[in-house]
Amino acid sequence: MKNYLAVDLGATSGRTVLATYDGERVDMQVWTRFENPQIPMTGHVFWDLPHLFNEILKALKKVAEAGLVLESIGIDTWGCDFAFFGKQGQLMGMPFCYRDPHTDGAIEEFTRVHMNAEALYHKTGIQFMPFNSLFQLDTMRRTGITALKAADKVMFIPDALSYLLTGKCVCEYTVASTSQLVNAETGDLDEGLLHFVGLSRKQFGKMTQPGTVIGTLTEQIQQVTGVGAIPVVAVAGHDTASAVASVPTADANFAYLSCGTWSLFGTELDEPIVNEISKAFNVTNEG
């Protein structure tokens, strides 16, 4: 019998799930539940990342108290948002929430100054939404956000939480693909787009595919929680990607409807569709 802990964070609430595999069947038990409130403060809207991290620690303490041994831990979250870290590994402020209105008009500003919408769509294949990471970062650059200027590392939310658990920095592909920073042809962050927002590729971790072991819990986390050196694995870090991966079908031709804070309707493809028709309908290609 093997035990795994899944951390599933949505834009209003979170939960941890204990999955048990006996070689044939996976049984799942909701382990903990908690709120994920958006914090209105100083005219902006933020996420309380330390709160989410502490809830993960609580779940691990409960694992230790139950005398269970975990094979691994995986984390998925909503897309687009990110956190800044300093050279000593410290979190540099609370991450902005994608619902912060400071990105109102951000698409128009970016496409006016840096790159027209057609060229941007053909580079990334991602639909235009003002809270995409690209437009969030450009807004922060224009408004002089201190954390952006001083950041040593930039991580999307699931990667940031994995970093706090392991000390290892990665850039998981599926959540990165929501950002409108990934080049549709190369599958990596586009250095030209990063340059527009004042960042460089070296500030992000290595592009990592789901199923990759990021690292094990640090000694500090092991001591605080009472668990051992458990591996943290990069799952499909975007929650929709994890949901689609779990669709129970062997048929390659299917559609999915994933409902959360909003609904996503689509299908799985071997490669992105990026053309004039997909752009006209604002179709998105996410990992």
Protein backbone atom coordinates (compact mmCIF):
# COMPACT_ATOMS: atom_id res chain seq x y z
CA MET A 1 0.00 0.00 0.00
CA LYS A 2 1.47 3.33 -1.06
CA ASN A 3 0.35 6.78 0.12
CA TYR A 4 0.55 10.09 -1.74
CA LEU A 5 -0.45 13.60 -0.71
CA ALA A 6 -2.05 15.86 -3.33
CA VAL A 7 -2.33 19.59 -2.66
CA ASP A 8 -5.11 21.14 -4.77
CA LEU A 9 -5.44 24.92 -4.50
CA GLY A 10 -8.21 26.88 -6.19
CA ALA A 11 -8.92 30.58 -6.34
CA THR A 12 -11.26 30.47 -3.32
CA SER A 13 -10.34 27.37 -1.32
CA GLY A 14 -7.80 24.59 -0.95
CA ARG A 15 -7.65 20.98 0.11
CA THR A 16 -5.17 18.21 0.56
CA VAL A 17 -6.08 14.70 -0.53
CA LEU A 18 -4.53 11.47 0.70
CA ALA A 19 -4.38 8.97 -2.17
CA THR A 20 -3.74 5.31 -1.41
CA TYR A 21 -2.68 2.89 -4.15
CA ASP A 22 -2.81 -0.87 -3.62
CA GLY A 23 -1.40 -1.82 -7.02
CA GLU A 24 -4.77 -1.88 -8.75
CA ARG A 25 -6.95 0.86 -7.33
CA VAL A 26 -6.51 4.43 -6.10
CA ASP A 27 -8.63 5.45 -3.11
CA MET A 28 -8.80 9.12 -2.22
CA GLN A 29 -9.63 10.76 1.10
CA VAL A 30 -9.95 14.50 1.62
CA TRP A 31 -7.30 15.08 4.26
CA THR A 32 -7.74 18.78 5.06
CA ARG A 33 -9.79 21.72 3.75
CA PHE A 34 -9.14 25.43 4.13
CA GLU A 35 -10.02 28.82 2.71
CA ASN A 36 -7.90 30.72 0.23
CA PRO A 37 -9.13 34.30 0.68
CA GLN A 38 -8.13 37.15 -1.59
CA ILE A 39 -6.62 39.92 0.56
CA PRO A 40 -7.68 43.50 -0.31
CA MET A 41 -4.92 45.82 0.87
CA THR A 42 -3.29 49.13 -0.11
CA GLY A 43 -5.52 49.43 -3.16
CA HIS A 44 -4.51 46.03 -4.54
CA VAL A 45 -5.57 42.39 -4.15
CA PHE A 46 -3.08 39.79 -2.92
CA TRP A 47 -2.75 36.09 -2.10
CA ASP A 48 -1.65 35.02 1.37
CA LEU A 49 1.06 32.58 0.28
CA PRO A 50 2.39 31.98 3.84
CA HIS A 51 -1.14 30.95 4.87
CA LEU A 52 -1.31 28.39 2.04
CA PHE A 53 2.15 27.11 2.89
CA ASN A 54 1.20 26.77 6.55
CA GLU A 55 -1.88 24.74 5.57
CA ILE A 56 0.39 22.32 3.70
CA LEU A 57 2.52 22.01 6.82
CA LYS A 58 -0.61 21.28 8.87
CA ALA A 59 -1.54 18.48 6.47
CA LEU A 60 1.96 17.01 6.76
CA LYS A 61 1.79 17.15 10.56
CA LYS A 62 -1.50 15.25 10.39
CA VAL A 63 0.25 12.62 8.22
CA ALA A 64 2.96 12.24 10.85
CA GLU A 65 0.40 11.99 13.65
CA ALA A 66 -1.41 9.23 11.74
CA GLY A 67 1.84 7.29 11.42
CA LEU A 68 1.66 7.24 7.62
CA VAL A 69 4.59 7.14 5.21
CA LEU A 70 4.24 9.16 2.01
CA GLU A 71 5.75 8.21 -1.33
CA SER A 72 5.54 11.79 -2.62
CA ILE A 73 3.75 15.14 -2.57
CA GLY A 74 2.33 17.03 -5.57
CA ILE A 75 0.88 20.56 -5.81
CA ASP A 76 -1.47 22.13 -8.34
CA THR A 77 -2.97 25.64 -8.28
CA TRP A 78 -4.76 28.16 -10.47
CA GLY A 79 -2.74 29.69 -13.31
CA CYS A 80 -1.12 33.02 -14.21
CA ASP A 81 -0.02 34.23 -10.75
CA PHE A 82 3.53 34.15 -9.40
CA ALA A 83 5.77 35.10 -6.48
CA PHE A 84 9.10 36.91 -6.20
CA PHE A 85 12.04 35.65 -4.13
CA GLY A 86 15.27 37.34 -3.05
CA LYS A 87 18.86 36.09 -3.22
CA GLN A 88 18.63 34.53 0.25
CA GLY A 89 15.48 32.64 -0.74
CA GLN A 90 13.09 34.93 1.12
CA LEU A 91 9.60 35.65 -0.18
CA MET A 92 9.46 39.25 -1.38
CA GLY A 93 5.95 40.33 -0.47
CA MET A 94 2.56 38.79 -1.01
CA PRO A 95 1.83 37.71 -4.60
CA PHE A 96 -0.61 39.84 -6.57
CA CYS A 97 -3.96 38.22 -7.31
CA TYR A 98 -4.96 37.97 -10.96
CA ARG A 99 -8.23 39.73 -10.03
CA ASP A 100 -6.36 42.90 -9.05
CA PRO A 101 -7.77 45.67 -11.30
CA HIS A 102 -4.31 47.17 -11.88
CA THR A 103 -4.17 45.23 -15.18
CA ASP A 104 -7.21 47.01 -16.62
CA GLY A 105 -6.07 48.21 -20.05
CA ALA A 106 -2.83 46.21 -19.82
CA ILE A 107 -3.35 44.36 -23.11
CA GLU A 108 -3.81 47.59 -25.04
CA GLU A 109 -0.76 49.17 -23.39
CA PHE A 110 1.51 46.18 -24.06
CA THR A 111 0.45 45.78 -27.70
CA ARG A 112 0.80 49.54 -28.27
CA VAL A 113 4.35 49.73 -26.91
CA HIS A 114 5.99 46.34 -27.46
CA MET A 115 4.35 43.99 -29.95
CA ASN A 116 1.11 43.97 -31.89
CA ALA A 117 -1.58 41.48 -30.91
CA GLU A 118 -1.25 39.35 -34.04
CA ALA A 119 2.50 38.83 -33.58
CA LEU A 120 2.04 38.10 -29.88
CA TYR A 121 -0.67 35.51 -30.50
CA HIS A 122 1.39 33.76 -33.18
CA LYS A 123 4.35 33.63 -30.81
CA THR A 124 2.46 32.17 -27.83
CA GLY A 125 -0.89 30.76 -29.03
CA ILE A 126 -2.50 31.99 -25.79
CA GLN A 127 -5.80 33.84 -25.60
CA PHE A 128 -5.78 37.49 -24.57
CA MET A 129 -6.83 38.10 -20.96
CA PRO A 130 -5.57 41.13 -19.00
CA PHE A 131 -4.46 39.02 -16.03
CA ASN A 132 -2.10 36.79 -18.04
CA SER A 133 1.32 36.83 -16.37
CA LEU A 134 2.83 38.76 -19.27
CA PHE A 135 0.43 41.68 -18.75
CA GLN A 136 0.68 41.50 -14.96
CA LEU A 137 4.46 41.77 -15.16
CA ASP A 138 4.35 44.59 -17.68
CA THR A 139 1.95 46.48 -15.41
CA MET A 140 4.32 46.00 -12.47
CA ARG A 141 7.24 47.23 -14.60
CA ARG A 142 5.34 50.35 -15.66
CA THR A 143 4.19 51.14 -12.13
CA GLY A 144 7.58 50.50 -10.53
CA ILE A 145 6.71 47.61 -8.21
CA THR A 146 9.74 47.24 -5.91
CA ALA A 147 9.62 43.44 -5.65
CA LEU A 148 9.87 43.05 -9.43
CA LYS A 149 12.94 45.27 -9.57
CA ALA A 150 14.68 43.44 -6.73
CA ALA A 151 13.65 39.84 -7.49
CA ASP A 152 16.34 37.21 -7.83
CA LYS A 153 13.83 34.47 -8.72
CA VAL A 154 10.31 34.44 -10.13
CA MET A 155 8.10 31.38 -9.64
CA PHE A 156 4.54 30.49 -10.52
CA ILE A 157 2.44 29.63 -7.46
CA PRO A 158 2.80 25.80 -7.43
CA ASP A 159 6.54 26.15 -8.07
CA ALA A 160 6.82 28.73 -5.28
CA LEU A 161 5.20 26.35 -2.77
CA SER A 162 7.43 23.48 -3.93
CA TYR A 163 10.42 25.81 -3.49
CA LEU A 164 9.42 26.59 0.09
CA LEU A 165 9.21 22.85 0.78
CA THR A 166 12.41 21.77 -0.97
CA GLY A 167 14.61 24.78 -1.66
CA LYS A 168 14.64 23.76 -5.35
CA CYS A 169 13.47 26.17 -8.05
CA VAL A 170 11.71 24.84 -11.16
CA CYS A 171 9.35 26.18 -13.81
CA GLU A 172 6.67 23.53 -14.37
CA TYR A 173 5.48 23.52 -17.98
CA THR A 174 1.68 23.36 -17.65
CA VAL A 175 1.35 26.29 -15.26
CA ALA A 176 3.99 28.27 -17.18
CA SER A 177 1.93 27.76 -20.34
CA THR A 178 -0.90 29.87 -18.87
CA SER A 179 1.36 32.91 -18.60
CA GLN A 180 1.55 34.04 -22.26
CA LEU A 181 5.32 33.98 -21.75
CA VAL A 182 5.96 30.54 -23.30
CA ASN A 183 6.94 30.34 -26.95
CA ALA A 184 4.54 27.94 -28.71
CA GLU A 185 7.32 26.53 -30.91
CA THR A 186 10.13 26.07 -28.39
CA GLY A 187 8.02 25.17 -25.33
CA ASP A 188 10.22 27.42 -23.19
CA LEU A 189 9.89 30.93 -21.82
CA ASP A 190 10.45 33.45 -24.59
CA GLU A 191 13.46 35.65 -23.83
CA GLY A 192 12.16 38.49 -26.00
CA LEU A 193 8.89 38.70 -24.05
CA LEU A 194 10.78 38.50 -20.75
CA HIS A 195 13.00 41.38 -21.88
CA PHE A 196 9.91 43.54 -22.48
CA VAL A 197 8.89 43.12 -18.81
CA GLY A 198 12.38 43.65 -17.41
CA LEU A 199 13.22 40.02 -16.62
CA SER A 200 15.61 37.38 -17.91
CA ARG A 201 15.33 33.63 -18.39
CA LYS A 202 17.86 32.91 -15.62
CA GLN A 203 15.44 34.33 -13.03
CA PHE A 204 13.11 31.37 -13.64
CA GLY A 205 13.80 27.73 -12.87
CA LYS A 206 14.48 24.98 -15.38
CA MET A 207 11.45 24.12 -17.52
CA THR A 208 10.15 20.94 -15.91
CA GLN A 209 7.62 18.38 -17.13
CA PRO A 210 5.01 16.71 -14.90
CA GLY A 211 6.38 13.58 -13.24
CA THR A 212 9.78 15.11 -12.47
CA VAL A 213 11.07 14.90 -8.90
CA ILE A 214 11.81 18.46 -7.77
CA GLY A 215 13.56 17.50 -4.53
CA THR A 216 12.87 16.28 -1.01
CA LEU A 217 11.56 18.18 1.99
CA THR A 218 14.24 20.30 3.63
CA GLU A 219 15.54 19.34 7.04
CA GLN A 220 13.68 22.29 8.57
CA ILE A 221 10.36 21.12 7.11
CA GLN A 222 11.03 17.55 8.24
CA GLN A 223 11.67 18.75 11.80
CA VAL A 224 8.63 21.04 11.88
CA THR A 225 6.19 18.45 10.52
CA GLY A 226 7.62 15.20 11.85
CA VAL A 227 7.70 13.52 8.43
CA GLY A 228 10.77 12.21 6.61
CA ALA A 229 12.62 13.22 3.47
CA ILE A 230 9.56 12.95 1.23
CA PRO A 231 10.02 13.70 -2.49
CA VAL A 232 8.04 16.61 -3.93
CA VAL A 233 7.07 15.82 -7.52
CA ALA A 234 6.14 18.32 -10.22
CA VAL A 235 2.62 17.28 -11.22
CA ALA A 236 0.61 19.17 -13.85
CA GLY A 237 0.84 22.34 -11.78
CA HIS A 238 -2.06 24.09 -13.50
CA ASP A 239 -5.19 22.66 -11.87
CA THR A 240 -7.03 22.42 -15.18
CA ALA A 241 -4.14 20.45 -16.69
CA SER A 242 -4.33 17.97 -13.81
CA ALA A 243 -8.11 17.73 -14.25
CA VAL A 244 -7.84 17.06 -17.99
CA ALA A 245 -5.09 14.48 -17.46
CA SER A 246 -7.47 12.56 -15.19
CA VAL A 247 -10.31 12.33 -17.74
CA PRO A 248 -11.14 8.59 -17.75
CA THR A 249 -11.01 7.80 -21.45
CA ALA A 250 -8.70 5.87 -23.74
CA ASP A 251 -10.19 7.66 -26.76
CA ALA A 252 -7.99 10.35 -28.27
CA ASN A 253 -11.03 12.20 -29.61
CA PHE A 254 -12.90 13.69 -26.67
CA ALA A 255 -13.88 17.04 -25.25
CA TYR A 256 -13.63 18.09 -21.62
CA LEU A 257 -15.54 20.62 -19.56
CA SER A 258 -13.71 21.68 -16.41
CA CYS A 259 -15.68 23.89 -14.00
CA GLY A 260 -14.05 25.93 -11.27
CA THR A 261 -14.19 29.69 -10.67
CA TRP A 262 -14.98 29.65 -14.38
CA SER A 263 -15.38 26.90 -16.96
CA LEU A 264 -12.95 25.70 -19.61
CA PHE A 265 -14.08 23.67 -22.61
CA GLY A 266 -11.59 22.03 -24.93
CA THR A 267 -9.78 18.94 -26.14
CA GLU A 268 -6.31 17.40 -26.09
CA LEU A 269 -4.06 17.92 -29.12
CA ASP A 270 -0.57 16.73 -30.03
CA GLU A 271 0.50 20.25 -30.97
CA PRO A 272 -0.94 23.77 -30.68
CA ILE A 273 -3.25 25.30 -33.27
CA VAL A 274 -2.04 28.84 -33.97
CA ASN A 275 -3.58 30.47 -37.03
CA GLU A 276 -5.86 33.30 -38.07
CA ILE A 277 -9.02 31.37 -37.21
CA SER A 278 -7.86 30.43 -33.69
CA LYS A 279 -6.77 34.02 -33.10
CA ALA A 280 -10.12 35.38 -34.33
CA PHE A 281 -11.98 33.20 -31.82
CA ASN A 282 -9.42 33.88 -29.04
CA VAL A 283 -8.72 30.15 -28.67
CA THR A 284 -5.99 29.26 -26.21
CA ASN A 285 -3.32 26.53 -26.36
CA GLU A 286 -2.23 25.51 -22.86
CA GLY A 287 0.05 22.71 -21.78
